[in-house]
Protein backbone atom coordinates (compact mmCIF):
# COMPACT_ATOMS: atom_id res chain seq x y z
CA MET A 1 11.04 -105.79 71.66
CA ASN A 2 13.51 -108.25 69.45
CA ASN A 3 14.40 -107.13 66.03
CA ASN A 4 12.67 -110.22 64.11
CA ILE A 5 10.14 -110.41 66.42
CA LYS A 6 9.72 -106.71 65.22
CA ILE A 7 10.16 -106.96 61.52
CA LEU A 8 7.37 -110.02 61.26
CA PHE A 9 4.99 -107.98 62.99
CA TYR A 10 5.43 -105.42 60.18
CA ARG A 11 5.64 -108.09 57.65
CA ILE A 12 2.33 -109.74 58.71
CA LYS A 13 0.56 -105.77 59.30
CA ASN A 14 1.74 -104.78 55.83
CA GLY A 15 0.95 -107.90 54.27
CA PHE A 16 -3.32 -107.21 55.65
CA LYS A 17 -2.55 -103.91 54.32
CA ASN A 18 -1.99 -105.00 50.84
CA THR A 19 -4.35 -107.85 50.53
CA ILE A 20 -7.10 -105.52 51.28
CA LEU A 21 -6.56 -102.38 49.64
CA THR A 22 -5.28 -104.77 46.29
CA PRO A 23 -6.88 -107.73 47.09
CA TRP A 24 -7.23 -108.78 43.11
CA LYS A 25 -3.48 -108.80 43.14
CA TYR A 26 -3.45 -111.68 45.56
CA PRO A 27 -6.03 -114.62 45.02
CA TYR A 28 -4.24 -117.00 46.61
CA LEU A 29 -4.45 -116.01 50.13
CA PHE A 30 -8.53 -116.12 49.15
CA ILE A 31 -8.16 -119.06 48.39
CA HIS A 32 -6.31 -120.87 50.59
CA LEU A 33 -8.78 -119.04 53.36
CA GLY A 34 -11.56 -120.20 51.51
CA ILE A 35 -9.37 -124.39 50.86
CA SER A 36 -8.89 -123.83 55.17
CA ILE A 37 -12.11 -123.08 56.10
CA TYR A 38 -14.01 -125.95 54.16
CA CYS A 39 -11.02 -128.35 55.59
CA ILE A 40 -11.75 -127.48 59.00
CA ASN A 41 -15.47 -128.05 58.08
CA GLN A 42 -15.38 -131.45 57.00
CA ILE A 43 -12.68 -132.42 59.93
CA THR A 44 -15.15 -131.03 62.47
CA ASN A 45 -18.03 -133.13 60.81
CA LEU A 46 -16.17 -136.07 60.62
CA ASN A 47 -17.59 -139.11 63.39
CA PHE A 48 -14.97 -140.55 65.02
CA GLY A 49 -17.29 -141.90 67.91
CA GLU A 50 -18.49 -141.22 71.49
CA ASN A 51 -15.80 -142.22 73.90
CA THR A 52 -13.52 -140.00 75.80
CA LEU A 53 -10.26 -141.01 73.31
CA GLN A 54 -11.79 -140.87 70.18
CA VAL A 55 -13.58 -137.71 71.30
CA LEU A 56 -10.16 -136.27 72.13
CA ALA A 57 -8.73 -137.53 69.62
CA ARG A 58 -11.22 -135.40 67.06
CA TYR A 59 -10.58 -132.38 68.90
CA PHE A 60 -6.89 -132.45 68.50
CA ILE A 61 -6.71 -133.30 64.91
CA ILE A 62 -9.19 -129.91 64.35
CA ILE A 63 -6.52 -127.73 66.36
CA ILE A 64 -3.94 -128.93 64.71
CA SER A 65 -5.52 -128.02 61.42
CA VAL A 66 -6.46 -124.89 62.60
CA MET A 67 -2.94 -124.15 63.27
CA ILE A 68 -1.57 -125.42 60.46
CA CYS A 69 -4.13 -123.23 58.52
CA THR A 70 -3.60 -120.23 60.70
CA LEU A 71 0.46 -120.26 60.11
CA THR A 72 0.71 -121.04 56.28
CA PHE A 73 -1.73 -118.01 56.09
CA ILE A 74 0.12 -115.60 58.04
CA GLY A 75 3.19 -117.22 56.08
CA LEU A 76 1.06 -115.73 52.85
CA LEU A 77 1.00 -112.83 55.11
CA ILE A 78 4.20 -112.43 55.54
CA LYS A 79 4.90 -112.82 51.73
CA VAL A 80 2.56 -109.86 50.42
CA GLY A 81 4.36 -107.63 53.34
CA THR A 82 7.77 -108.37 52.17
CA PRO A 83 8.66 -105.71 49.53
CA PHE A 84 9.91 -107.01 46.47
CA GLY A 85 14.01 -106.91 46.66
CA ALA A 86 14.34 -106.74 50.14
CA LYS A 87 16.34 -109.41 50.47
CA LYS A 88 18.97 -108.67 47.96
CA LEU A 89 18.47 -104.98 49.31
CA GLN A 90 19.70 -105.70 52.59
CA LEU A 91 22.65 -107.50 51.25
CA ASN A 92 23.48 -104.68 49.38
CA LEU A 93 23.60 -102.28 52.67
CA TYR A 94 25.79 -104.73 54.16
CA ARG A 95 28.50 -104.09 51.53
CA ILE A 96 28.18 -100.50 51.47
CA GLY A 97 28.88 -101.08 55.55
CA LEU A 98 25.40 -99.24 56.46
CA LYS A 99 25.26 -101.22 59.46
CA ASN A 100 25.57 -101.51 63.49
CA HIS A 101 27.66 -102.50 65.36
CA VAL A 102 26.65 -106.32 65.64
CA GLY A 103 26.43 -106.43 61.99
CA GLU A 104 22.89 -106.00 61.53
CA VAL A 105 21.55 -103.74 58.34
CA PRO A 106 18.66 -101.59 58.27
CA THR A 107 15.19 -103.54 57.25
CA LEU A 108 12.90 -102.38 54.55
CA ILE A 109 10.17 -102.56 55.85
CA GLU A 110 7.62 -100.94 52.88
CA LYS A 111 8.44 -99.32 49.49
CA LYS A 112 5.25 -97.86 48.16
CA LYS A 113 4.34 -95.19 45.16
CA ILE A 114 3.67 -92.12 45.63
CA LYS A 115 0.64 -91.39 43.73
CA GLN A 116 0.81 -87.57 43.17
CA LYS A 117 4.57 -88.58 41.61
CA LYS A 118 5.93 -90.14 38.62
CA SER A 119 8.38 -92.70 39.80
CA THR A 120 8.50 -91.45 43.03
CA TYR A 121 8.35 -94.00 45.53
CA SER A 122 8.94 -94.49 49.61
CA TYR A 123 11.17 -96.57 51.21
CA SER A 124 10.68 -96.98 54.86
CA PHE A 125 12.72 -98.95 57.25
CA LEU A 126 13.48 -100.21 60.20
CA ASN A 127 17.11 -98.92 61.20
CA ASN A 128 17.85 -100.78 64.23
CA GLY A 129 19.93 -98.95 65.86
CA ILE A 130 21.88 -97.14 62.88
CA SER A 131 21.69 -93.35 62.93
CA LEU A 132 20.51 -91.03 59.85
CA GLU A 133 23.27 -89.54 59.87
CA ASP A 134 24.93 -92.78 59.49
CA PHE A 135 22.12 -93.15 55.96
CA GLU A 136 23.01 -89.48 55.28
CA ALA A 137 26.76 -90.14 54.82
CA LYS A 138 26.06 -92.93 53.05
CA LYS A 139 23.25 -91.20 50.73
CA ALA A 140 25.46 -91.32 47.30
CA ARG A 141 26.10 -95.46 48.08
CA ILE A 142 22.38 -96.11 48.86
CA GLU A 143 21.73 -93.78 44.96
CA ALA A 144 23.85 -96.38 43.36
CA ILE A 145 22.70 -99.35 44.86
CA LEU A 146 19.34 -98.81 44.20
CA ASN A 147 19.75 -96.49 41.03
CA ILE A 148 17.48 -93.54 42.03
CA LYS A 149 18.20 -90.57 43.11
CA ILE A 150 17.47 -89.91 47.41
CA ILE A 151 15.21 -86.21 47.77
CA GLU A 152 14.58 -86.87 52.09
CA ILE A 153 15.68 -88.50 54.22
CA LYS A 154 14.19 -88.57 57.92
CA LEU A 155 13.28 -89.98 61.48
CA ILE A 156 9.89 -91.14 61.36
CA ASN A 157 7.36 -93.02 63.99
CA GLY A 158 7.15 -90.39 66.57
CA GLN A 159 9.44 -90.36 69.90
CA ASN A 160 10.93 -94.33 69.13
CA LYS A 161 12.76 -92.53 66.15
CA THR A 162 12.63 -97.25 65.17
CA MET A 163 12.54 -95.87 61.71
CA ILE A 164 13.51 -93.79 58.56
CA ASN A 165 11.99 -92.97 55.37
CA ALA A 166 13.50 -92.29 52.37
CA ILE A 167 11.66 -90.71 49.36
CA ALA A 168 13.72 -90.74 45.84
CA ASN A 169 13.30 -90.67 42.44
CA ASN A 170 13.18 -92.82 40.06
CA LYS A 171 14.70 -91.29 37.17
CA ASP A 172 17.79 -89.17 36.24
CA SER A 173 15.55 -85.67 36.27
CA ILE A 174 12.50 -84.91 38.16
CA ASP A 175 9.41 -83.89 36.01
CA THR A 176 8.80 -80.17 34.63
CA ILE A 177 5.04 -79.35 36.56
CA TYR A 178 3.26 -76.94 34.38
CA TRP A 179 1.04 -74.59 36.35
CA LYS A 180 -2.79 -74.08 35.24
CA SER A 181 -4.90 -71.65 36.80
CA LYS A 182 -7.05 -73.89 38.62
CA TYR A 183 -3.97 -74.03 41.07
CA THR A 184 -4.86 -70.19 41.74
CA LEU A 185 -6.83 -69.70 45.42
CA ILE A 186 -9.26 -67.69 46.54
CA ASP A 187 -9.02 -67.74 49.83
CA ASP A 188 -7.09 -64.21 51.01
CA PHE A 189 -4.12 -64.31 50.15
CA LEU A 190 -2.72 -67.58 49.67
CA LEU A 191 -0.50 -69.04 46.98
CA VAL A 192 0.94 -71.64 45.29
CA LEU A 193 4.02 -72.70 45.02
CA GLY A 194 4.30 -76.00 43.97
CA GLU A 195 4.19 -79.19 45.05
CA SER A 196 6.04 -81.41 47.20
CA LEU A 197 6.25 -85.78 47.67
CA THR A 198 3.05 -85.94 49.04
CA GLU A 199 1.16 -82.35 48.66
CA GLN A 200 0.77 -79.23 46.94
CA LEU A 201 2.78 -76.62 48.89
CA VAL A 202 1.21 -73.45 49.87
CA LEU A 203 2.00 -69.82 51.45
CA ASP A 204 -0.36 -67.43 53.17
CA LEU A 205 1.08 -64.09 52.36
CA SER A 206 -0.58 -62.92 56.01
CA VAL A 207 0.75 -65.44 58.01
CA VAL A 208 4.42 -65.19 56.64
CA PRO A 209 4.37 -61.91 54.90
CA HIS A 210 7.85 -62.10 53.24
CA ILE A 211 9.82 -64.07 50.92
CA LEU A 212 13.63 -64.66 49.94
CA ILE A 213 14.47 -66.75 46.86
CA GLY A 214 18.47 -68.00 47.23
CA GLY A 215 19.99 -70.63 45.15
CA ALA A 216 22.97 -70.85 42.32
CA SER A 217 22.55 -69.43 39.01
CA GLY A 218 20.41 -71.86 36.93
CA SER A 219 18.37 -73.48 39.64
CA GLY A 220 14.90 -71.58 38.27
CA LYS A 221 14.88 -68.45 41.17
CA SER A 222 13.74 -66.16 38.56
CA VAL A 223 10.57 -69.47 37.29
CA LEU A 224 9.64 -69.42 41.04
CA LEU A 225 9.28 -65.29 41.19
CA LYS A 226 7.52 -64.83 38.45
CA LEU A 227 5.33 -67.63 39.56
CA ILE A 228 4.48 -66.05 42.46
CA ILE A 229 3.97 -62.43 41.16
CA LYS A 230 1.63 -64.22 38.20
CA GLN A 231 -0.68 -65.17 41.85
CA CYS A 232 -0.46 -61.35 43.14
CA ILE A 233 -0.95 -60.39 39.70
CA ILE A 234 -4.58 -62.43 39.90
CA LYS A 235 -5.12 -62.06 42.77
CA ASN A 236 -5.61 -57.80 42.05
CA ALA A 237 -2.34 -56.83 44.01
CA GLN A 238 -0.01 -54.48 42.80
CA VAL A 239 3.52 -55.16 41.92
CA LEU A 240 6.27 -53.07 41.83
CA LEU A 241 9.48 -55.12 40.46
CA ALA A 242 12.92 -53.92 40.32
CA ASP A 243 15.57 -55.58 37.84
CA PHE A 244 18.27 -54.41 37.26
CA LYS A 245 19.61 -56.62 34.54
CA GLY A 246 17.36 -55.08 32.04
CA GLY A 247 14.37 -56.70 32.53
CA VAL A 248 15.50 -59.08 30.20
CA ASP A 249 13.86 -61.81 32.30
CA PHE A 250 10.17 -60.02 32.43
CA PRO A 251 8.98 -59.68 28.44
CA LYS A 252 6.70 -57.47 27.04
CA SER A 253 3.96 -59.58 28.31
CA TRP A 254 4.62 -58.29 31.74
CA ASN A 255 5.07 -54.32 31.47
CA ASN A 256 0.88 -53.89 31.63
CA GLN A 257 0.57 -56.17 34.76
CA ILE A 258 3.68 -54.58 37.01
CA ASP A 259 5.36 -51.47 37.57
CA LEU A 260 8.82 -52.64 36.28
CA ILE A 261 11.75 -50.69 37.86
CA LEU A 262 15.28 -50.11 36.59
CA THR A 263 17.44 -47.66 37.78
CA LEU A 264 18.40 -46.89 41.25
CA ASP A 265 16.91 -43.98 41.47
CA GLU A 266 13.16 -44.88 40.34
CA LEU A 267 13.91 -47.75 43.33
CA ILE A 268 14.39 -45.05 45.91
CA LEU A 269 11.50 -43.31 44.47
CA THR A 270 9.86 -46.46 44.25
CA LEU A 271 10.91 -47.14 48.14
CA GLU A 272 9.58 -44.15 49.28
CA ASN A 273 6.21 -43.87 47.84
CA ILE A 274 5.36 -47.27 49.42
CA ASN A 275 6.64 -45.62 52.68
CA ILE A 276 4.41 -43.25 52.69
CA ALA A 277 1.44 -45.86 51.67
CA LEU A 278 2.83 -47.59 55.28
CA GLU A 279 2.12 -44.44 56.97
CA SER A 280 -1.04 -43.74 55.37
CA ARG A 281 -2.70 -47.93 55.84
CA LYS A 282 -1.60 -47.54 59.88
CA THR A 283 -3.59 -44.09 60.01
CA GLN A 284 -6.62 -45.30 57.63
CA PHE A 285 -6.42 -48.94 60.33
CA TYR A 286 -6.29 -47.04 63.35
CA GLU A 287 -9.79 -44.48 62.42
CA ASN A 288 -11.54 -47.89 61.30
CA ASP A 289 -10.55 -50.01 64.19
CA CYS A 290 -8.47 -52.94 62.01
CA SER A 291 -5.42 -54.29 63.11
CA ASN A 292 -4.67 -55.74 59.65
CA ILE A 293 -5.23 -55.38 55.96
CA LYS A 294 -8.07 -58.58 56.09
CA GLU A 295 -10.28 -56.84 58.70
CA PHE A 296 -9.91 -53.00 56.53
CA ASN A 297 -10.85 -54.61 53.74
CA LEU A 298 -14.24 -56.62 55.77
CA LYS A 299 -15.27 -53.92 56.12
CA GLY A 300 -16.42 -52.69 52.74
CA ASN A 301 -13.40 -51.58 51.30
CA ASP A 302 -10.96 -52.09 48.75
CA MET A 303 -7.30 -51.81 49.52
CA LYS A 304 -4.85 -53.53 47.43
CA ARG A 305 -1.91 -55.28 48.66
CA ILE A 306 1.45 -53.74 47.54
CA ILE A 307 3.68 -56.93 46.50
CA PHE A 308 8.10 -54.69 45.90
CA ALA A 309 9.62 -57.80 44.32
CA CYS A 310 13.37 -57.57 43.33
CA ASP A 311 14.75 -60.41 41.02
CA GLU A 312 18.44 -60.29 41.98
CA ILE A 313 18.89 -58.11 45.16
CA ALA A 314 22.63 -57.93 45.21
CA GLU A 315 22.92 -56.07 41.69
CA VAL A 316 21.24 -53.46 44.19
CA LEU A 317 22.48 -53.62 47.58
CA ASP A 318 26.00 -54.90 46.90
CA LYS A 319 28.53 -52.14 47.98
CA THR A 320 31.75 -53.78 47.11
CA GLY A 321 33.99 -51.16 45.23
CA ALA A 322 31.31 -48.22 45.44
CA THR A 323 31.60 -45.10 45.62
CA LYS A 324 30.45 -43.07 49.10
CA GLU A 325 27.98 -41.83 47.62
CA GLN A 326 27.15 -45.04 45.97
CA LYS A 327 26.93 -46.71 49.58
CA GLU A 328 24.58 -43.71 50.91
CA ARG A 329 21.90 -44.02 48.36
CA ILE A 330 22.06 -48.33 49.46
CA ALA A 331 21.84 -47.15 52.76
CA ILE A 332 18.57 -45.22 51.88
CA VAL A 333 17.44 -48.60 50.05
CA GLU A 334 18.35 -50.58 52.68
CA ASN A 335 16.65 -48.59 55.36
CA TYR A 336 13.50 -48.75 53.41
CA LEU A 337 13.33 -52.26 52.79
CA SER A 338 14.29 -52.70 56.69
CA ILE A 339 10.82 -50.27 57.30
CA ILE A 340 8.91 -52.91 55.18
CA ALA A 341 9.87 -56.25 56.56
CA ARG A 342 9.55 -55.08 60.35
CA GLN A 343 5.80 -53.51 59.39
CA GLY A 344 4.81 -54.87 55.91
CA ARG A 345 2.93 -57.89 57.17
CA ALA A 346 -0.61 -55.61 58.59
CA PHE A 347 -0.17 -53.47 55.67
CA GLY A 348 -0.22 -55.86 52.85
CA ILE A 349 2.86 -54.47 52.25
CA HIS A 350 5.46 -57.28 51.52
CA LEU A 351 8.52 -57.71 50.10
CA LEU A 352 9.94 -60.66 47.55
CA LEU A 353 13.44 -60.83 46.90
CA ALA A 354 15.73 -62.97 44.95
CA THR A 355 19.21 -63.56 45.23
CA GLN A 356 22.08 -65.79 44.41
CA ARG A 357 23.70 -65.40 47.94
CA PRO A 358 21.97 -63.47 49.84
CA ASP A 359 25.11 -62.88 52.36
CA ALA A 360 25.73 -60.28 54.95
CA ASN A 361 27.64 -57.87 52.55
CA ILE A 362 23.68 -57.91 50.70
CA LEU A 363 20.86 -58.22 53.06
CA SER A 364 21.57 -56.45 56.10
CA GLY A 365 20.19 -59.00 59.28
CA GLN A 366 17.71 -56.27 60.11
CA ILE A 367 16.46 -57.66 56.41
CA LYS A 368 17.15 -60.67 56.64
CA ASN A 369 15.95 -61.92 59.82
CA ASN A 370 12.58 -60.10 59.46
CA ILE A 371 12.11 -62.29 56.23
CA ASN A 372 10.69 -66.14 58.02
CA CYS A 373 10.21 -67.75 54.48
CA ARG A 374 13.00 -68.71 52.60
CA ILE A 375 13.48 -70.64 49.57
CA CYS A 376 16.62 -71.58 48.54
CA GLY A 377 17.10 -73.94 44.60
CA ARG A 378 20.68 -75.94 44.64
CA ALA A 379 23.31 -74.63 46.51
CA ASP A 380 26.79 -75.71 48.02
CA SER A 381 27.05 -76.23 51.35
CA VAL A 382 27.75 -72.41 52.26
CA LEU A 383 25.67 -71.51 50.07
CA SER A 384 22.86 -73.21 52.13
CA SER A 385 24.07 -71.99 55.04
CA ILE A 386 23.40 -68.59 54.18
CA ILE A 387 19.56 -69.00 53.56
CA LEU A 388 18.99 -71.45 55.50
CA ASP A 389 20.96 -71.11 58.54
CA ASP A 390 21.85 -74.95 57.83
CA THR A 391 23.14 -77.06 54.90
CA SER A 392 20.54 -79.09 54.20
CA ALA A 393 20.24 -77.49 50.57
CA SER A 394 22.80 -79.43 49.65
CA LYS A 395 22.17 -82.58 51.09
CA MET A 396 18.42 -82.77 49.81
CA ILE A 397 19.00 -81.00 46.66
CA PRO A 398 20.78 -82.82 43.83
CA LYS A 399 23.43 -80.87 42.35
CA ASP A 400 21.95 -81.38 38.38
CA SER A 401 18.72 -80.30 39.68
CA GLN A 402 16.63 -77.25 37.68
CA GLY A 403 13.39 -75.62 39.59
CA LEU A 404 13.13 -78.08 42.45
CA PHE A 405 13.30 -75.98 46.25
CA ILE A 406 13.72 -76.56 49.96
CA ASN A 407 11.96 -74.17 51.93
CA GLN A 408 13.49 -73.37 56.38
CA ASP A 409 10.66 -75.80 57.39
CA LYS A 410 13.38 -79.10 54.94
CA GLN A 411 10.14 -79.61 52.58
CA VAL A 412 11.41 -79.85 49.75
CA PHE A 413 8.86 -78.90 46.31
CA GLN A 414 9.39 -78.84 42.62
CA GLY A 415 8.51 -75.21 41.86
CA TYR A 416 5.35 -75.22 38.81
CA TRP A 417 6.91 -73.57 35.46
CA ILE A 418 5.05 -71.28 34.20
CA ASN A 419 4.26 -69.36 30.44
CA ASP A 420 5.62 -66.30 30.06
CA ASN A 421 2.92 -66.34 26.90
CA LYS A 422 -0.26 -67.44 28.78
CA LEU A 423 0.26 -64.85 31.61
């Protein structure tokens, strides 16, 4: 289909949609439609006479009138279906060189506000053969001409890949979203992480048992960790938290809710006990003919999930400069974590690890490969590759953002902010 015809099709389609959804915004369309029907009705009732020529003339005038009314109505629909500022935008895209080999630029088909978010818009472009890579390469210049921050760019429209969608925020910073008690989900064991631009992001620990949170310092890792831990407490899980920063990020209000681990000796003992519990649960599940903790509890039992969390796991597992004895002790910790990572899901034992840089010196492949939920905050391309195995965080998370994350499925979301005093 010719590009111009495609564009007209989308304009008319959007015009109909806009008119149906917000008819009060476009009264002139209905005024035009009413006048057209009235005029055609009047022309139809005119008496031209009965001979053949007069009858043909009468029908000719009616057809011409209908065509004129239809074309002008379509013209108004095109106007209604054309986003405000589309022509100026195309001119600016041409100026920055975002065009194909014949000089065509992407055509803005639709701009709409995302209801769930303040000052956030979705821009849909007919790409005219311009690749997603070209859009991403000129992302900074597009942000400059639109005075926005682009959070996500992706191909849409099924297999045809003829449309590109950009999600952007008009503000210099993204609004803080505060946690509310009503967000707690009753279902076992669903956790709410935050909000993407279109929906609330939910994680099921029964399906995705372990979580790794990474990102640059100040990106909001500890706040997201607290949010997840808080929900685990509400859901009556046993939470064991290793914090080798002296527990400063977890004030006294947390002490009655979690078991805080501050030394390596305590950590080794805790992990040993968790692994003993894992073996015990294997026996109990076998005797009760159950394959997982959910089935076991449905038979009238009340077994708690065990959440082992660690804020900055690098403080524990980094072997740089360690003595032989220290390396042996770290190896014990790694071995216990590996067992939990491999076997914990069915038995309701979960890892929740946060660290700035989970490279091979910190997390062994056996642990990291068994953590299938990975979340990354603000990061450069190297750090993003370590956490997500690609550079998407460096491209999709603004460099000055805090509390904004992307997961392994390329979903960008704003984590909820929680107040320690309301634990």
